[in-house]
Amino acid sequence: MEPASPDYFIGVAQQALWILALASSPILIPALAAGLILGMIQAATSINEQTLSFVPKLIVVGIALALFGGAILYLIADFTRDIFARIPDLVR
C-alpha cells in the first residue's frame, strides 16, 4: 500500500485555509467597516470614549453572526465531513 503523498496534505491545508477565510470574512468585514466609520465619527467630533466604539462594533458582530452564522456552521460542518470521509483513503 502506498502512503498519501505530501501534495495531498498540502491540498488539505490549502482547503482548510480557504474555509477559514470564508468562515471569518462575514464577521470581520462588517466589524472593520463599523470600526472605520466609528473612527471617522470620533475623529470628527473629538470624542475619544472607548465604549462608544466598542458597543456598536459588538452589535454589528452580533448581527453578522445572526445573519451568517448558519452558513458559516454549514461550511465548517461540510469541510469536517469531507475530511472524515477521506480518512479511509489514508489508512489503506
PDB file of N, CA and C in Angstrom:
ATOM      1  N   MET A   1       0.830  -1.182   0.000  1.00  0.00           N
ATOM      2  CA  MET A   1       0.000   0.000   0.000  1.00  0.00           C
ATOM      3  C   MET A   1       0.878   1.251   0.000  1.00  0.00           C
ATOM      4  N   GLU A   2       0.499   2.191  -0.788  1.00  0.00           N
ATOM      5  CA  GLU A   2       1.274   3.417  -0.924  1.00  0.00           C
ATOM      6  C   GLU A   2       0.726   4.492   0.017  1.00  0.00           C
ATOM      7  N   PRO A   3       1.591   5.120   0.815  1.00  0.00           N
ATOM      8  CA  PRO A   3       1.110   6.176   1.714  1.00  0.00           C
ATOM      9  C   PRO A   3       0.688   7.415   0.914  1.00  0.00           C
ATOM     10  N   ALA A   4      -0.084   8.279   1.557  1.00  0.00           N
ATOM     11  CA  ALA A   4      -0.529   9.512   0.910  1.00  0.00           C
ATOM     12  C   ALA A   4       0.670  10.416   0.651  1.00  0.00           C
ATOM     13  N   SER A   5       0.626  11.103  -0.472  1.00  0.00           N
ATOM     14  CA  SER A   5       1.743  11.966  -0.851  1.00  0.00           C
ATOM     15  C   SER A   5       1.689  13.285  -0.074  1.00  0.00           C
ATOM     16  N   PRO A   6       2.825  13.952   0.009  1.00  0.00           N
ATOM     17  CA  PRO A   6       2.830  15.266   0.684  1.00  0.00           C
ATOM     18  C   PRO A   6       1.926  16.276  -0.021  1.00  0.00           C
ATOM     19  N   ASP A   7       1.758  16.126  -1.337  1.00  0.00           N
ATOM     20  CA  ASP A   7       0.878  17.047  -2.066  1.00  0.00           C
ATOM     21  C   ASP A   7      -0.564  16.943  -1.589  1.00  0.00           C
ATOM     22  N   TYR A   8      -0.959  15.758  -1.185  1.00  0.00           N
ATOM     23  CA  TYR A   8      -2.315  15.567  -0.667  1.00  0.00           C
ATOM     24  C   TYR A   8      -2.524  16.405   0.592  1.00  0.00           C
ATOM     25  N   PHE A   9      -1.563  16.362   1.499  1.00  0.00           N
ATOM     26  CA  PHE A   9      -1.692  17.104   2.752  1.00  0.00           C
ATOM     27  C   PHE A   9      -1.576  18.608   2.531  1.00  0.00           C
ATOM     28  N   ILE A  10      -0.784  19.021   1.564  1.00  0.00           N
ATOM     29  CA  ILE A  10      -0.705  20.442   1.225  1.00  0.00           C
ATOM     30  C   ILE A  10      -2.045  20.915   0.662  1.00  0.00           C
ATOM     31  N   GLY A  11      -2.687  20.071  -0.144  1.00  0.00           N
ATOM     32  CA  GLY A  11      -4.006  20.415  -0.674  1.00  0.00           C
ATOM     33  C   GLY A  11      -5.048  20.538   0.421  1.00  0.00           C
ATOM     34  N   VAL A  12      -4.994  19.637   1.394  1.00  0.00           N
ATOM     35  CA  VAL A  12      -5.928  19.715   2.527  1.00  0.00           C
ATOM     36  C   VAL A  12      -5.674  20.984   3.339  1.00  0.00           C
ATOM     37  N   ALA A  13      -4.410  21.329   3.541  1.00  0.00           N
ATOM     38  CA  ALA A  13      -4.084  22.553   4.286  1.00  0.00           C
ATOM     39  C   ALA A  13      -4.549  23.799   3.533  1.00  0.00           C
ATOM     40  N   GLN A  14      -4.390  23.812   2.213  1.00  0.00           N
ATOM     41  CA  GLN A  14      -4.865  24.945   1.413  1.00  0.00           C
ATOM     42  C   GLN A  14      -6.382  25.068   1.497  1.00  0.00           C
ATOM     43  N   GLN A  15      -7.067  23.928   1.432  1.00  0.00           N
ATOM     44  CA  GLN A  15      -8.516  23.943   1.545  1.00  0.00           C
ATOM     45  C   GLN A  15      -8.943  24.434   2.930  1.00  0.00           C
ATOM     46  N   ALA A  16      -8.232  24.031   3.962  1.00  0.00           N
ATOM     47  CA  ALA A  16      -8.562  24.469   5.323  1.00  0.00           C
ATOM     48  C   ALA A  16      -8.375  25.981   5.471  1.00  0.00           C
ATOM     49  N   LEU A  17      -7.319  26.525   4.885  1.00  0.00           N
ATOM     50  CA  LEU A  17      -7.106  27.976   4.952  1.00  0.00           C
ATOM     51  C   LEU A  17      -8.186  28.733   4.191  1.00  0.00           C
ATOM     52  N   TRP A  18      -8.621  28.188   3.058  1.00  0.00           N
ATOM     53  CA  TRP A  18      -9.675  28.823   2.278  1.00  0.00           C
ATOM     54  C   TRP A  18     -10.997  28.810   3.064  1.00  0.00           C
ATOM     55  N   ILE A  19     -11.304  27.684   3.708  1.00  0.00           N
ATOM     56  CA  ILE A  19     -12.509  27.584   4.526  1.00  0.00           C
ATOM     57  C   ILE A  19     -12.432  28.568   5.690  1.00  0.00           C
ATOM     58  N   LEU A  20     -11.261  28.702   6.284  1.00  0.00           N
ATOM     59  CA  LEU A  20     -11.076  29.660   7.374  1.00  0.00           C
ATOM     60  C   LEU A  20     -11.342  31.086   6.907  1.00  0.00           C
ATOM     61  N   ALA A  21     -10.835  31.441   5.729  1.00  0.00           N
ATOM     62  CA  ALA A  21     -11.065  32.786   5.189  1.00  0.00           C
ATOM     63  C   ALA A  21     -12.548  33.010   4.896  1.00  0.00           C
ATOM     64  N   LEU A  22     -13.198  32.005   4.325  1.00  0.00           N
ATOM     65  CA  LEU A  22     -14.626  32.141   4.017  1.00  0.00           C
ATOM     66  C   LEU A  22     -15.475  32.209   5.284  1.00  0.00           C
ATOM     67  N   ALA A  23     -15.072  31.494   6.320  1.00  0.00           N
ATOM     68  CA  ALA A  23     -15.845  31.484   7.555  1.00  0.00           C
ATOM     69  C   ALA A  23     -15.659  32.765   8.370  1.00  0.00           C
ATOM     70  N   SER A  24     -14.494  33.368   8.311  1.00  0.00           N
ATOM     71  CA  SER A  24     -14.241  34.541   9.145  1.00  0.00           C
ATOM     72  C   SER A  24     -14.589  35.866   8.459  1.00  0.00           C
ATOM     73  N   SER A  25     -14.605  35.900   7.142  1.00  0.00           N
ATOM     74  CA  SER A  25     -14.842  37.175   6.457  1.00  0.00           C
ATOM     75  C   SER A  25     -16.230  37.764   6.683  1.00  0.00           C
ATOM     76  N   PRO A  26     -17.325  36.976   6.793  1.00  0.00           N
ATOM     77  CA  PRO A  26     -18.618  37.628   7.058  1.00  0.00           C
ATOM     78  C   PRO A  26     -18.697  38.310   8.418  1.00  0.00           C
ATOM     79  N   ILE A  27     -17.774  38.009   9.310  1.00  0.00           N
ATOM     80  CA  ILE A  27     -17.763  38.654  10.619  1.00  0.00           C
ATOM     81  C   ILE A  27     -16.745  39.793  10.636  1.00  0.00           C
ATOM     82  N   LEU A  28     -15.583  39.558  10.042  1.00  0.00           N
ATOM     83  CA  LEU A  28     -14.513  40.551  10.103  1.00  0.00           C
ATOM     84  C   LEU A  28     -14.778  41.781   9.235  1.00  0.00           C
ATOM     85  N   ILE A  29     -15.360  41.594   8.064  1.00  0.00           N
ATOM     86  CA  ILE A  29     -15.574  42.731   7.159  1.00  0.00           C
ATOM     87  C   ILE A  29     -16.569  43.742   7.741  1.00  0.00           C
ATOM     88  N   PRO A  30     -17.745  43.312   8.256  1.00  0.00           N
ATOM     89  CA  PRO A  30     -18.620  44.318   8.889  1.00  0.00           C
ATOM     90  C   PRO A  30     -18.004  44.975  10.126  1.00  0.00           C
ATOM     91  N   ALA A  31     -17.237  44.211  10.903  1.00  0.00           N
ATOM     92  CA  ALA A  31     -16.582  44.799  12.076  1.00  0.00           C
ATOM     93  C   ALA A  31     -15.549  45.841  11.646  1.00  0.00           C
ATOM     94  N   LEU A  32     -14.822  45.550  10.584  1.00  0.00           N
ATOM     95  CA  LEU A  32     -13.844  46.511  10.060  1.00  0.00           C
ATOM     96  C   LEU A  32     -14.536  47.771   9.550  1.00  0.00           C
ATOM     97  N   ALA A  33     -15.628  47.601   8.814  1.00  0.00           N
ATOM     98  CA  ALA A  33     -16.362  48.761   8.296  1.00  0.00           C
ATOM     99  C   ALA A  33     -16.939  49.598   9.434  1.00  0.00           C
ATOM    100  N   ALA A  34     -17.506  48.940  10.432  1.00  0.00           N
ATOM    101  CA  ALA A  34     -18.055  49.677  11.579  1.00  0.00           C
ATOM    102  C   ALA A  34     -16.951  50.427  12.316  1.00  0.00           C
ATOM    103  N   GLY A  35     -15.799  49.788  12.497  1.00  0.00           N
ATOM    104  CA  GLY A  35     -14.678  50.455  13.164  1.00  0.00           C
ATOM    105  C   GLY A  35     -14.185  51.661  12.397  1.00  0.00           C
ATOM    106  N   LEU A  36     -14.146  51.532  11.072  1.00  0.00           N
ATOM    107  CA  LEU A  36     -13.699  52.649  10.241  1.00  0.00           C
ATOM    108  C   LEU A  36     -14.672  53.821  10.323  1.00  0.00           C
ATOM    109  N   ILE A  37     -15.963  53.527  10.214  1.00  0.00           N
ATOM    110  CA  ILE A  37     -16.972  54.591  10.282  1.00  0.00           C
ATOM    111  C   ILE A  37     -16.981  55.241  11.657  1.00  0.00           C
ATOM    112  N   LEU A  38     -16.925  54.422  12.703  1.00  0.00           N
ATOM    113  CA  LEU A  38     -16.915  54.984  14.056  1.00  0.00           C
ATOM    114  C   LEU A  38     -15.648  55.789  14.324  1.00  0.00           C
ATOM    115  N   GLY A  39     -14.523  55.348  13.779  1.00  0.00           N
ATOM    116  CA  GLY A  39     -13.278  56.098  13.935  1.00  0.00           C
ATOM    117  C   GLY A  39     -13.350  57.465  13.273  1.00  0.00           C
ATOM    118  N   MET A  40     -13.975  57.497  12.093  1.00  0.00           N
ATOM    119  CA  MET A  40     -14.122  58.791  11.408  1.00  0.00           C
ATOM    120  C   MET A  40     -15.069  59.708  12.179  1.00  0.00           C
ATOM    121  N   ILE A  41     -16.131  59.155  12.731  1.00  0.00           N
ATOM    122  CA  ILE A  41     -17.065  59.966  13.527  1.00  0.00           C
ATOM    123  C   ILE A  41     -16.376  60.481  14.786  1.00  0.00           C
ATOM    124  N   GLN A  42     -15.597  59.616  15.442  1.00  0.00           N
ATOM    125  CA  GLN A  42     -14.890  60.054  16.651  1.00  0.00           C
ATOM    126  C   GLN A  42     -13.840  61.108  16.330  1.00  0.00           C
ATOM    127  N   ALA A  43     -13.178  60.982  15.184  1.00  0.00           N
ATOM    128  CA  ALA A  43     -12.179  61.992  14.818  1.00  0.00           C
ATOM    129  C   ALA A  43     -12.850  63.323  14.493  1.00  0.00           C
ATOM    130  N   ALA A  44     -14.014  63.261  13.870  1.00  0.00           N
ATOM    131  CA  ALA A  44     -14.706  64.499  13.507  1.00  0.00           C
ATOM    132  C   ALA A  44     -15.294  65.200  14.721  1.00  0.00           C
ATOM    133  N   THR A  45     -15.726  64.432  15.710  1.00  0.00           N
ATOM    134  CA  THR A  45     -16.365  65.043  16.878  1.00  0.00           C
ATOM    135  C   THR A  45     -15.424  65.178  18.074  1.00  0.00           C
ATOM    136  N   SER A  46     -14.206  64.684  17.959  1.00  0.00           N
ATOM    137  CA  SER A  46     -13.207  64.718  19.035  1.00  0.00           C
ATOM    138  C   SER A  46     -13.674  64.017  20.300  1.00  0.00           C
ATOM    139  N   ILE A  47     -14.500  62.976  20.127  1.00  0.00           N
ATOM    140  CA  ILE A  47     -14.941  62.154  21.255  1.00  0.00           C
ATOM    141  C   ILE A  47     -14.064  60.910  21.269  1.00  0.00           C
ATOM    142  N   ASN A  48     -13.318  60.719  22.356  1.00  0.00           N
ATOM    143  CA  ASN A  48     -12.391  59.593  22.435  1.00  0.00           C
ATOM    144  C   ASN A  48     -12.805  58.582  23.503  1.00  0.00           C
ATOM    145  N   GLU A  49     -14.069  58.293  23.580  1.00  0.00           N
ATOM    146  CA  GLU A  49     -14.571  57.331  24.548  1.00  0.00           C
ATOM    147  C   GLU A  49     -14.474  55.928  23.951  1.00  0.00           C
ATOM    148  N   GLN A  50     -13.842  54.989  24.679  1.00  0.00           N
ATOM    149  CA  GLN A  50     -13.625  53.636  24.162  1.00  0.00           C
ATOM    150  C   GLN A  50     -14.921  52.847  24.044  1.00  0.00           C
ATOM    151  N   THR A  51     -15.829  53.027  24.996  1.00  0.00           N
ATOM    152  CA  THR A  51     -17.085  52.273  24.929  1.00  0.00           C
ATOM    153  C   THR A  51     -17.932  52.729  23.755  1.00  0.00           C
ATOM    154  N   LEU A  52     -17.751  53.942  23.312  1.00  0.00           N
ATOM    155  CA  LEU A  52     -18.507  54.451  22.179  1.00  0.00           C
ATOM    156  C   LEU A  52     -18.150  53.696  20.901  1.00  0.00           C
ATOM    157  N   SER A  53     -16.933  53.191  20.802  1.00  0.00           N
ATOM    158  CA  SER A  53     -16.554  52.424  19.619  1.00  0.00           C
ATOM    159  C   SER A  53     -16.745  50.922  19.826  1.00  0.00           C
ATOM    160  N   PHE A  54     -16.668  50.451  21.062  1.00  0.00           N
ATOM    161  CA  PHE A  54     -16.759  49.020  21.321  1.00  0.00           C
ATOM    162  C   PHE A  54     -18.185  48.493  21.192  1.00  0.00           C
ATOM    163  N   VAL A  55     -19.138  49.173  21.764  1.00  0.00           N
ATOM    164  CA  VAL A  55     -20.522  48.687  21.789  1.00  0.00           C
ATOM    165  C   VAL A  55     -21.121  48.589  20.382  1.00  0.00           C
ATOM    166  N   PRO A  56     -20.996  49.590  19.520  1.00  0.00           N
ATOM    167  CA  PRO A  56     -21.541  49.423  18.164  1.00  0.00           C
ATOM    168  C   PRO A  56     -20.862  48.300  17.378  1.00  0.00           C
ATOM    169  N   LYS A  57     -19.549  48.141  17.543  1.00  0.00           N
ATOM    170  CA  LYS A  57     -18.869  47.036  16.858  1.00  0.00           C
ATOM    171  C   LYS A  57     -19.360  45.696  17.372  1.00  0.00           C
ATOM    172  N   LEU A  58     -19.602  45.599  18.668  1.00  0.00           N
ATOM    173  CA  LEU A  58     -20.141  44.373  19.255  1.00  0.00           C
ATOM    174  C   LEU A  58     -21.528  44.077  18.695  1.00  0.00           C
ATOM    175  N   ILE A  59     -22.345  45.101  18.536  1.00  0.00           N
ATOM    176  CA  ILE A  59     -23.682  44.924  17.970  1.00  0.00           C
ATOM    177  C   ILE A  59     -23.595  44.487  16.509  1.00  0.00           C
ATOM    178  N   VAL A  60     -22.693  45.093  15.744  1.00  0.00           N
ATOM    179  CA  VAL A  60     -22.520  44.722  14.334  1.00  0.00           C
ATOM    180  C   VAL A  60     -22.052  43.275  14.208  1.00  0.00           C
ATOM    181  N   VAL A  61     -21.133  42.857  15.044  1.00  0.00           N
ATOM    182  CA  VAL A  61     -20.661  41.473  15.006  1.00  0.00           C
ATOM    183  C   VAL A  61     -21.788  40.515  15.391  1.00  0.00           C
ATOM    184  N   GLY A  62     -22.591  40.883  16.369  1.00  0.00           N
ATOM    185  CA  GLY A  62     -23.733  40.055  16.750  1.00  0.00           C
ATOM    186  C   GLY A  62     -24.740  39.909  15.621  1.00  0.00           C
ATOM    187  N   ILE A  63     -25.020  41.000  14.923  1.00  0.00           N
ATOM    188  CA  ILE A  63     -25.943  40.943  13.784  1.00  0.00           C
ATOM    189  C   ILE A  63     -25.359  40.099  12.671  1.00  0.00           C
ATOM    190  N   ALA A  64     -24.054  40.253  12.403  1.00  0.00           N
ATOM    191  CA  ALA A  64     -23.410  39.450  11.363  1.00  0.00           C
ATOM    192  C   ALA A  64     -23.442  37.968  11.709  1.00  0.00           C
ATOM    193  N   LEU A  65     -23.232  37.640  12.975  1.00  0.00           N
ATOM    194  CA  LEU A  65     -23.324  36.240  13.398  1.00  0.00           C
ATOM    195  C   LEU A  65     -24.738  35.706  13.260  1.00  0.00           C
ATOM    196  N   ALA A  66     -25.726  36.540  13.573  1.00  0.00           N
ATOM    197  CA  ALA A  66     -27.117  36.101  13.437  1.00  0.00           C
ATOM    198  C   ALA A  66     -27.471  35.871  11.972  1.00  0.00           C
ATOM    199  N   LEU A  67     -26.955  36.723  11.095  1.00  0.00           N
ATOM    200  CA  LEU A  67     -27.264  36.587   9.666  1.00  0.00           C
ATOM    201  C   LEU A  67     -26.493  35.454   9.006  1.00  0.00           C
ATOM    202  N   PHE A  68     -25.197  35.352   9.292  1.00  0.00           N
ATOM    203  CA  PHE A  68     -24.332  34.422   8.568  1.00  0.00           C
ATOM    204  C   PHE A  68     -23.898  33.214   9.375  1.00  0.00           C
ATOM    205  N   GLY A  69     -24.322  33.121  10.636  1.00  0.00           N
ATOM    206  CA  GLY A  69     -23.879  32.030  11.493  1.00  0.00           C
ATOM    207  C   GLY A  69     -24.245  30.658  10.960  1.00  0.00           C
ATOM    208  N   GLY A  70     -25.454  30.515  10.436  1.00  0.00           N
ATOM    209  CA  GLY A  70     -25.877  29.230   9.886  1.00  0.00           C
ATOM    210  C   GLY A  70     -25.044  28.809   8.684  1.00  0.00           C
ATOM    211  N   ALA A  71     -24.756  29.765   7.809  1.00  0.00           N
ATOM    212  CA  ALA A  71     -23.950  29.461   6.631  1.00  0.00           C
ATOM    213  C   ALA A  71     -22.517  29.110   7.028  1.00  0.00           C
ATOM    214  N   ILE A  72     -21.981  29.809   8.012  1.00  0.00           N
ATOM    215  CA  ILE A  72     -20.628  29.519   8.483  1.00  0.00           C
ATOM    216  C   ILE A  72     -20.575  28.129   9.104  1.00  0.00           C
ATOM    217  N   LEU A  73     -21.569  27.809   9.923  1.00  0.00           N
ATOM    218  CA  LEU A  73     -21.624  26.494  10.552  1.00  0.00           C
ATOM    219  C   LEU A  73     -21.753  25.388   9.507  1.00  0.00           C
ATOM    220  N   TYR A  74     -22.580  25.611   8.492  1.00  0.00           N
ATOM    221  CA  TYR A  74     -22.734  24.630   7.423  1.00  0.00           C
ATOM    222  C   TYR A  74     -21.423  24.438   6.666  1.00  0.00           C
ATOM    223  N   LEU A  75     -20.719  25.525   6.394  1.00  0.00           N
ATOM    224  CA  LEU A  75     -19.442  25.459   5.673  1.00  0.00           C
ATOM    225  C   LEU A  75     -18.411  24.650   6.457  1.00  0.00           C
ATOM    226  N   ILE A  76     -18.304  24.904   7.749  1.00  0.00           N
ATOM    227  CA  ILE A  76     -17.336  24.190   8.578  1.00  0.00           C
ATOM    228  C   ILE A  76     -17.740  22.726   8.750  1.00  0.00           C
ATOM    229  N   ALA A  77     -19.038  22.464   8.923  1.00  0.00           N
ATOM    230  CA  ALA A  77     -19.503  21.079   9.071  1.00  0.00           C
ATOM    231  C   ALA A  77     -19.285  20.290   7.785  1.00  0.00           C
ATOM    232  N   ASP A  78     -19.500  20.915   6.643  1.00  0.00           N
ATOM    233  CA  ASP A  78     -19.272  20.244   5.361  1.00  0.00           C
ATOM    234  C   ASP A  78     -17.793  19.911   5.170  1.00  0.00           C
ATOM    235  N   PHE A  79     -16.920  20.831   5.545  1.00  0.00           N
ATOM    236  CA  PHE A  79     -15.484  20.581   5.448  1.00  0.00           C
ATOM    237  C   PHE A  79     -15.070  19.445   6.380  1.00  0.00           C
ATOM    238  N   THR A  80     -15.628  19.442   7.594  1.00  0.00           N
ATOM    239  CA  THR A  80     -15.304  18.383   8.555  1.00  0.00           C
ATOM    240  C   THR A  80     -15.774  17.027   8.044  1.00  0.00           C
ATOM    241  N   ARG A  81     -16.986  16.958   7.474  1.00  0.00           N
ATOM    242  CA  ARG A  81     -17.474  15.710   6.892  1.00  0.00           C
ATOM    243  C   ARG A  81     -16.568  15.235   5.760  1.00  0.00           C
ATOM    244  N   ASP A  82     -16.105  16.171   4.948  1.00  0.00           N
ATOM    245  CA  ASP A  82     -15.211  15.830   3.839  1.00  0.00           C
ATOM    246  C   ASP A  82     -13.886  15.269   4.353  1.00  0.00           C
ATOM    247  N   ILE A  83     -13.344  15.863   5.397  1.00  0.00           N
ATOM    248  CA  ILE A  83     -12.090  15.374   5.977  1.00  0.00           C
ATOM    249  C   ILE A  83     -12.274  13.975   6.546  1.00  0.00           C
ATOM    250  N   PHE A  84     -13.373  13.753   7.283  1.00  0.00           N
ATOM    251  CA  PHE A  84     -13.622  12.427   7.844  1.00  0.00           C
ATOM    252  C   PHE A  84     -13.881  11.390   6.753  1.00  0.00           C
ATOM    253  N   ALA A  85     -14.476  11.801   5.650  1.00  0.00           N
ATOM    254  CA  ALA A  85     -14.712  10.869   4.544  1.00  0.00           C
ATOM    255  C   ALA A  85     -13.406  10.465   3.869  1.00  0.00           C
ATOM    256  N   ARG A  86     -12.392  11.290   3.963  1.00  0.00           N
ATOM    257  CA  ARG A  86     -11.093  10.985   3.344  1.00  0.00           C
ATOM    258  C   ARG A  86     -10.233  10.042   4.187  1.00  0.00           C
ATOM    259  N   ILE A  87     -10.565   9.833   5.441  1.00  0.00           N
ATOM    260  CA  ILE A  87      -9.745   9.001   6.330  1.00  0.00           C
ATOM    261  C   ILE A  87      -9.542   7.590   5.799  1.00  0.00           C
ATOM    262  N   PRO A  88     -10.570   6.890   5.309  1.00  0.00           N
ATOM    263  CA  PRO A  88     -10.324   5.531   4.818  1.00  0.00           C
ATOM    264  C   PRO A  88      -9.307   5.455   3.673  1.00  0.00           C
ATOM    265  N   ASP A  89      -9.247   6.501   2.855  1.00  0.00           N
ATOM    266  CA  ASP A  89      -8.258   6.510   1.777  1.00  0.00           C
ATOM    267  C   ASP A  89      -6.839   6.650   2.309  1.00  0.00           C
ATOM    268  N   LEU A  90      -6.679   7.249   3.475  1.00  0.00           N
ATOM    269  CA  LEU A  90      -5.348   7.451   4.033  1.00  0.00           C
ATOM    270  C   LEU A  90      -4.794   6.211   4.720  1.00  0.00           C
ATOM    271  N   VAL A  91      -5.665   5.379   5.277  1.00  0.00           N
ATOM    272  CA  VAL A  91      -5.173   4.221   6.033  1.00  0.00           C
ATOM    273  C   VAL A  91      -4.970   2.987   5.146  1.00  0.00           C
ATOM    274  N   ARG A  92      -5.386   3.054   3.908  1.00  0.00           N
ATOM    275  CA  ARG A  92      -5.156   1.909   3.013  1.00  0.00           C
ATOM    276  C   ARG A  92      -3.747   1.812   2.569  1.00  0.00           C
TER     277      ARG A  92
END
